[in-house]
Amino acid sequence: MLIAPKNSTYIISKIKPKKGKFLRETDTFDTWYSSGHWPLVTLNYPDSDDFKYFYPTAVLETGWEI
């Protein structure tokens, strides 16, 4: 697994970098993980009336790419 060094410089450009001169996104797990927990944390899972009203589901469907 590749991890960006702490001192990495992020450059946004319309020009495609040369082969081996870029690093893919390394933070997707944290993003998917935290977004999946958002309703649980903000709606006081499992006992609050807000959770039962706004999140009435028994199945959490996720995308194939996760």
PDB file of N, CA and C in Angstrom:
ATOM      1  N   MET A   1       0.841  -1.179   0.000  1.00  0.00           N
ATOM      2  CA  MET A   1       0.000   0.000   0.000  1.00  0.00           C
ATOM      3  C   MET A   1       0.886   1.243   0.000  1.00  0.00           C
ATOM      4  N   LEU A   2       0.590   2.151  -0.885  1.00  0.00           N
ATOM      5  CA  LEU A   2       1.355   3.389  -0.961  1.00  0.00           C
ATOM      6  C   LEU A   2       0.764   4.432  -0.026  1.00  0.00           C
ATOM      7  N   ILE A   3       1.604   5.124   0.641  1.00  0.00           N
ATOM      8  CA  ILE A   3       1.177   6.203   1.530  1.00  0.00           C
ATOM      9  C   ILE A   3       1.983   7.441   1.167  1.00  0.00           C
ATOM     10  N   ALA A   4       1.293   8.562   1.035  1.00  0.00           N
ATOM     11  CA  ALA A   4       1.983   9.804   0.707  1.00  0.00           C
ATOM     12  C   ALA A   4       2.845  10.241   1.887  1.00  0.00           C
ATOM     13  N   PRO A   5       4.091  10.630   1.638  1.00  0.00           N
ATOM     14  CA  PRO A   5       4.939  11.145   2.712  1.00  0.00           C
ATOM     15  C   PRO A   5       4.329  12.400   3.335  1.00  0.00           C
ATOM     16  N   LYS A   6       4.639  12.661   4.587  1.00  0.00           N
ATOM     17  CA  LYS A   6       4.082  13.821   5.291  1.00  0.00           C
ATOM     18  C   LYS A   6       4.435  15.144   4.607  1.00  0.00           C
ATOM     19  N   ASN A   7       5.564  15.205   3.966  1.00  0.00           N
ATOM     20  CA  ASN A   7       5.994  16.457   3.348  1.00  0.00           C
ATOM     21  C   ASN A   7       5.619  16.529   1.863  1.00  0.00           C
ATOM     22  N   SER A   8       4.632  15.736   1.428  1.00  0.00           N
ATOM     23  CA  SER A   8       4.223  15.731   0.022  1.00  0.00           C
ATOM     24  C   SER A   8       3.633  17.069  -0.388  1.00  0.00           C
ATOM     25  N   THR A   9       3.857  17.406  -1.642  1.00  0.00           N
ATOM     26  CA  THR A   9       3.287  18.610  -2.224  1.00  0.00           C
ATOM     27  C   THR A   9       2.180  18.181  -3.180  1.00  0.00           C
ATOM     28  N   TYR A  10       1.012  18.738  -3.011  1.00  0.00           N
ATOM     29  CA  TYR A  10      -0.113  18.409  -3.873  1.00  0.00           C
ATOM     30  C   TYR A  10      -0.234  19.463  -4.956  1.00  0.00           C
ATOM     31  N   ILE A  11      -0.228  19.017  -6.189  1.00  0.00           N
ATOM     32  CA  ILE A  11      -0.306  19.919  -7.334  1.00  0.00           C
ATOM     33  C   ILE A  11      -1.543  19.560  -8.150  1.00  0.00           C
ATOM     34  N   ILE A  12      -2.371  20.546  -8.412  1.00  0.00           N
ATOM     35  CA  ILE A  12      -3.543  20.348  -9.254  1.00  0.00           C
ATOM     36  C   ILE A  12      -3.217  20.892 -10.626  1.00  0.00           C
ATOM     37  N   SER A  13      -3.379  20.042 -11.634  1.00  0.00           N
ATOM     38  CA  SER A  13      -2.996  20.429 -12.986  1.00  0.00           C
ATOM     39  C   SER A  13      -3.891  19.735 -14.003  1.00  0.00           C
ATOM     40  N   LYS A  14      -4.097  20.364 -15.137  1.00  0.00           N
ATOM     41  CA  LYS A  14      -4.844  19.746 -16.223  1.00  0.00           C
ATOM     42  C   LYS A  14      -3.944  18.840 -17.063  1.00  0.00           C
ATOM     43  N   ILE A  15      -2.644  18.935 -16.854  1.00  0.00           N
ATOM     44  CA  ILE A  15      -1.673  18.132 -17.594  1.00  0.00           C
ATOM     45  C   ILE A  15      -1.447  16.820 -16.848  1.00  0.00           C
ATOM     46  N   LYS A  16      -1.570  15.705 -17.568  1.00  0.00           N
ATOM     47  CA  LYS A  16      -1.366  14.389 -16.968  1.00  0.00           C
ATOM     48  C   LYS A  16       0.112  14.224 -16.594  1.00  0.00           C
ATOM     49  N   PRO A  17       0.399  13.778 -15.365  1.00  0.00           N
ATOM     50  CA  PRO A  17       1.799  13.610 -14.966  1.00  0.00           C
ATOM     51  C   PRO A  17       2.454  12.436 -15.693  1.00  0.00           C
ATOM     52  N   LYS A  18       3.778  12.456 -15.750  1.00  0.00           N
ATOM     53  CA  LYS A  18       4.519  11.356 -16.368  1.00  0.00           C
ATOM     54  C   LYS A  18       4.337  10.108 -15.514  1.00  0.00           C
ATOM     55  N   LYS A  19       4.481   8.964 -16.150  1.00  0.00           N
ATOM     56  CA  LYS A  19       4.307   7.690 -15.461  1.00  0.00           C
ATOM     57  C   LYS A  19       5.197   7.615 -14.215  1.00  0.00           C
ATOM     58  N   GLY A  20       4.596   7.216 -13.096  1.00  0.00           N
ATOM     59  CA  GLY A  20       5.340   7.085 -11.851  1.00  0.00           C
ATOM     60  C   GLY A  20       5.498   8.379 -11.075  1.00  0.00           C
ATOM     61  N   LYS A  21       4.924   9.462 -11.559  1.00  0.00           N
ATOM     62  CA  LYS A  21       5.083  10.759 -10.897  1.00  0.00           C
ATOM     63  C   LYS A  21       3.803  11.198 -10.177  1.00  0.00           C
ATOM     64  N   PHE A  22       2.946  10.241  -9.854  1.00  0.00           N
ATOM     65  CA  PHE A  22       1.723  10.584  -9.139  1.00  0.00           C
ATOM     66  C   PHE A  22       1.390   9.485  -8.144  1.00  0.00           C
ATOM     67  N   LEU A  23       0.557   9.804  -7.209  1.00  0.00           N
ATOM     68  CA  LEU A  23       0.130   8.866  -6.177  1.00  0.00           C
ATOM     69  C   LEU A  23      -1.388   8.890  -6.114  1.00  0.00           C
ATOM     70  N   ARG A  24      -2.018   7.725  -6.174  1.00  0.00           N
ATOM     71  CA  ARG A  24      -3.465   7.653  -6.084  1.00  0.00           C
ATOM     72  C   ARG A  24      -3.951   8.139  -4.721  1.00  0.00           C
ATOM     73  N   GLU A  25      -5.228   8.416  -4.645  1.00  0.00           N
ATOM     74  CA  GLU A  25      -5.856   8.808  -3.381  1.00  0.00           C
ATOM     75  C   GLU A  25      -5.589   7.731  -2.341  1.00  0.00           C
ATOM     76  N   THR A  26      -5.176   8.128  -1.154  1.00  0.00           N
ATOM     77  CA  THR A  26      -4.859   7.162  -0.100  1.00  0.00           C
ATOM     78  C   THR A  26      -5.803   7.257   1.089  1.00  0.00           C
ATOM     79  N   ASP A  27      -6.805   8.123   1.008  1.00  0.00           N
ATOM     80  CA  ASP A  27      -7.656   8.380   2.167  1.00  0.00           C
ATOM     81  C   ASP A  27      -9.102   7.925   1.960  1.00  0.00           C
ATOM     82  N   THR A  28      -9.371   7.044   0.999  1.00  0.00           N
ATOM     83  CA  THR A  28     -10.755   6.679   0.714  1.00  0.00           C
ATOM     84  C   THR A  28     -11.379   5.849   1.818  1.00  0.00           C
ATOM     85  N   PHE A  29     -10.625   4.988   2.469  1.00  0.00           N
ATOM     86  CA  PHE A  29     -11.210   4.184   3.534  1.00  0.00           C
ATOM     87  C   PHE A  29     -11.771   5.071   4.639  1.00  0.00           C
ATOM     88  N   ASP A  30     -10.986   6.046   5.070  1.00  0.00           N
ATOM     89  CA  ASP A  30     -11.461   6.939   6.120  1.00  0.00           C
ATOM     90  C   ASP A  30     -12.726   7.673   5.705  1.00  0.00           C
ATOM     91  N   THR A  31     -12.802   8.077   4.447  1.00  0.00           N
ATOM     92  CA  THR A  31     -13.976   8.797   3.951  1.00  0.00           C
ATOM     93  C   THR A  31     -15.207   7.910   3.979  1.00  0.00           C
ATOM     94  N   TRP A  32     -15.109   6.704   3.424  1.00  0.00           N
ATOM     95  CA  TRP A  32     -16.260   5.801   3.417  1.00  0.00           C
ATOM     96  C   TRP A  32     -16.622   5.374   4.838  1.00  0.00           C
ATOM     97  N   TYR A  33     -15.639   5.113   5.636  1.00  0.00           N
ATOM     98  CA  TYR A  33     -15.894   4.665   7.006  1.00  0.00           C
ATOM     99  C   TYR A  33     -16.612   5.743   7.805  1.00  0.00           C
ATOM    100  N   SER A  34     -16.116   6.965   7.750  1.00  0.00           N
ATOM    101  CA  SER A  34     -16.727   8.035   8.539  1.00  0.00           C
ATOM    102  C   SER A  34     -18.102   8.422   7.998  1.00  0.00           C
ATOM    103  N   SER A  35     -18.303   8.379   6.683  1.00  0.00           N
ATOM    104  CA  SER A  35     -19.617   8.720   6.148  1.00  0.00           C
ATOM    105  C   SER A  35     -20.653   7.657   6.508  1.00  0.00           C
ATOM    106  N   GLY A  36     -20.229   6.419   6.644  1.00  0.00           N
ATOM    107  CA  GLY A  36     -21.144   5.359   7.046  1.00  0.00           C
ATOM    108  C   GLY A  36     -21.565   5.459   8.499  1.00  0.00           C
ATOM    109  N   HIS A  37     -20.736   6.072   9.311  1.00  0.00           N
ATOM    110  CA  HIS A  37     -21.057   6.214  10.731  1.00  0.00           C
ATOM    111  C   HIS A  37     -21.794   7.509  11.060  1.00  0.00           C
ATOM    112  N   TRP A  38     -21.849   8.427  10.104  1.00  0.00           N
ATOM    113  CA  TRP A  38     -22.479   9.724  10.351  1.00  0.00           C
ATOM    114  C   TRP A  38     -23.904   9.593  10.897  1.00  0.00           C
ATOM    115  N   PRO A  39     -24.800   8.830  10.254  1.00  0.00           N
ATOM    116  CA  PRO A  39     -26.168   8.759  10.783  1.00  0.00           C
ATOM    117  C   PRO A  39     -26.231   8.115  12.165  1.00  0.00           C
ATOM    118  N   LEU A  40     -25.350   7.174  12.422  1.00  0.00           N
ATOM    119  CA  LEU A  40     -25.362   6.515  13.722  1.00  0.00           C
ATOM    120  C   LEU A  40     -24.983   7.479  14.846  1.00  0.00           C
ATOM    121  N   VAL A  41     -23.975   8.279  14.587  1.00  0.00           N
ATOM    122  CA  VAL A  41     -23.472   9.198  15.601  1.00  0.00           C
ATOM    123  C   VAL A  41     -24.408  10.403  15.787  1.00  0.00           C
ATOM    124  N   THR A  42     -24.835  11.001  14.688  1.00  0.00           N
ATOM    125  CA  THR A  42     -25.639  12.229  14.788  1.00  0.00           C
ATOM    126  C   THR A  42     -27.072  11.983  15.229  1.00  0.00           C
ATOM    127  N   LEU A  43     -27.570  10.772  15.000  1.00  0.00           N
ATOM    128  CA  LEU A  43     -28.954  10.475  15.364  1.00  0.00           C
ATOM    129  C   LEU A  43     -29.066   9.613  16.624  1.00  0.00           C
ATOM    130  N   ASN A  44     -27.980   9.502  17.359  1.00  0.00           N
ATOM    131  CA  ASN A  44     -27.953   8.786  18.643  1.00  0.00           C
ATOM    132  C   ASN A  44     -28.462   7.349  18.539  1.00  0.00           C
ATOM    133  N   TYR A  45     -27.856   6.599  17.639  1.00  0.00           N
ATOM    134  CA  TYR A  45     -28.174   5.178  17.464  1.00  0.00           C
ATOM    135  C   TYR A  45     -28.002   4.439  18.773  1.00  0.00           C
ATOM    136  N   PRO A  46     -28.833   3.486  19.095  1.00  0.00           N
ATOM    137  CA  PRO A  46     -30.031   3.016  18.413  1.00  0.00           C
ATOM    138  C   PRO A  46     -31.324   3.471  19.083  1.00  0.00           C
ATOM    139  N   ASP A  47     -31.222   4.226  20.138  1.00  0.00           N
ATOM    140  CA  ASP A  47     -32.399   4.438  20.977  1.00  0.00           C
ATOM    141  C   ASP A  47     -33.190   5.721  20.760  1.00  0.00           C
ATOM    142  N   SER A  48     -32.696   6.633  19.963  1.00  0.00           N
ATOM    143  CA  SER A  48     -33.408   7.909  19.865  1.00  0.00           C
ATOM    144  C   SER A  48     -34.580   7.839  18.890  1.00  0.00           C
ATOM    145  N   ASP A  49     -35.561   8.671  19.139  1.00  0.00           N
ATOM    146  CA  ASP A  49     -36.703   8.780  18.231  1.00  0.00           C
ATOM    147  C   ASP A  49     -36.266   9.322  16.877  1.00  0.00           C
ATOM    148  N   ASP A  50     -35.275  10.229  16.874  1.00  0.00           N
ATOM    149  CA  ASP A  50     -34.769  10.773  15.612  1.00  0.00           C
ATOM    150  C   ASP A  50     -34.191   9.663  14.734  1.00  0.00           C
ATOM    151  N   PHE A  51     -33.423   8.761  15.329  1.00  0.00           N
ATOM    152  CA  PHE A  51     -32.847   7.677  14.541  1.00  0.00           C
ATOM    153  C   PHE A  51     -33.947   6.795  13.972  1.00  0.00           C
ATOM    154  N   LYS A  52     -34.916   6.444  14.761  1.00  0.00           N
ATOM    155  CA  LYS A  52     -36.012   5.583  14.300  1.00  0.00           C
ATOM    156  C   LYS A  52     -36.839   6.256  13.212  1.00  0.00           C
ATOM    157  N   TYR A  53     -36.981   7.573  13.275  1.00  0.00           N
ATOM    158  CA  TYR A  53     -37.783   8.306  12.294  1.00  0.00           C
ATOM    159  C   TYR A  53     -37.021   8.557  10.983  1.00  0.00           C
ATOM    160  N   PHE A  54     -35.793   9.073  11.095  1.00  0.00           N
ATOM    161  CA  PHE A  54     -35.043   9.480   9.914  1.00  0.00           C
ATOM    162  C   PHE A  54     -34.221   8.366   9.263  1.00  0.00           C
ATOM    163  N   TYR A  55     -34.031   7.268   9.944  1.00  0.00           N
ATOM    164  CA  TYR A  55     -33.180   6.202   9.422  1.00  0.00           C
ATOM    165  C   TYR A  55     -33.837   4.838   9.627  1.00  0.00           C
ATOM    166  N   PRO A  56     -35.070   4.681   9.108  1.00  0.00           N
ATOM    167  CA  PRO A  56     -35.819   3.434   9.349  1.00  0.00           C
ATOM    168  C   PRO A  56     -35.404   2.323   8.380  1.00  0.00           C
ATOM    169  N   THR A  57     -34.245   1.764   8.595  1.00  0.00           N
ATOM    170  CA  THR A  57     -33.770   0.732   7.669  1.00  0.00           C
ATOM    171  C   THR A  57     -33.133  -0.426   8.423  1.00  0.00           C
ATOM    172  N   ALA A  58     -33.206  -1.591   7.827  1.00  0.00           N
ATOM    173  CA  ALA A  58     -32.583  -2.763   8.409  1.00  0.00           C
ATOM    174  C   ALA A  58     -31.362  -3.198   7.591  1.00  0.00           C
ATOM    175  N   VAL A  59     -31.231  -2.638   6.369  1.00  0.00           N
ATOM    176  CA  VAL A  59     -30.139  -3.006   5.479  1.00  0.00           C
ATOM    177  C   VAL A  59     -29.402  -1.751   5.049  1.00  0.00           C
ATOM    178  N   LEU A  60     -28.081  -1.771   5.131  1.00  0.00           N
ATOM    179  CA  LEU A  60     -27.270  -0.666   4.655  1.00  0.00           C
ATOM    180  C   LEU A  60     -26.620  -1.106   3.354  1.00  0.00           C
ATOM    181  N   GLU A  61     -27.086  -0.561   2.237  1.00  0.00           N
ATOM    182  CA  GLU A  61     -26.570  -0.916   0.910  1.00  0.00           C
ATOM    183  C   GLU A  61     -25.300  -0.103   0.626  1.00  0.00           C
ATOM    184  N   THR A  62     -24.253  -0.784   0.195  1.00  0.00           N
ATOM    185  CA  THR A  62     -23.016  -0.088  -0.145  1.00  0.00           C
ATOM    186  C   THR A  62     -22.660  -0.372  -1.596  1.00  0.00           C
ATOM    187  N   GLY A  63     -21.830   0.469  -2.145  1.00  0.00           N
ATOM    188  CA  GLY A  63     -21.413   0.305  -3.542  1.00  0.00           C
ATOM    189  C   GLY A  63     -20.447  -0.834  -3.722  1.00  0.00           C
ATOM    190  N   TRP A  64     -20.358  -1.358  -4.922  1.00  0.00           N
ATOM    191  CA  TRP A  64     -19.487  -2.495  -5.224  1.00  0.00           C
ATOM    192  C   TRP A  64     -18.019  -2.122  -5.108  1.00  0.00           C
ATOM    193  N   GLU A  65     -17.697  -0.840  -5.257  1.00  0.00           N
ATOM    194  CA  GLU A  65     -16.302  -0.416  -5.292  1.00  0.00           C
ATOM    195  C   GLU A  65     -15.656  -0.316  -3.915  1.00  0.00           C
ATOM    196  N   ILE A  66     -16.414  -0.521  -2.877  1.00  0.00           N
ATOM    197  CA  ILE A  66     -15.856  -0.388  -1.530  1.00  0.00           C
ATOM    198  C   ILE A  66     -15.141  -1.668  -1.138  1.00  0.00           C
TER     199      ILE A  66
END
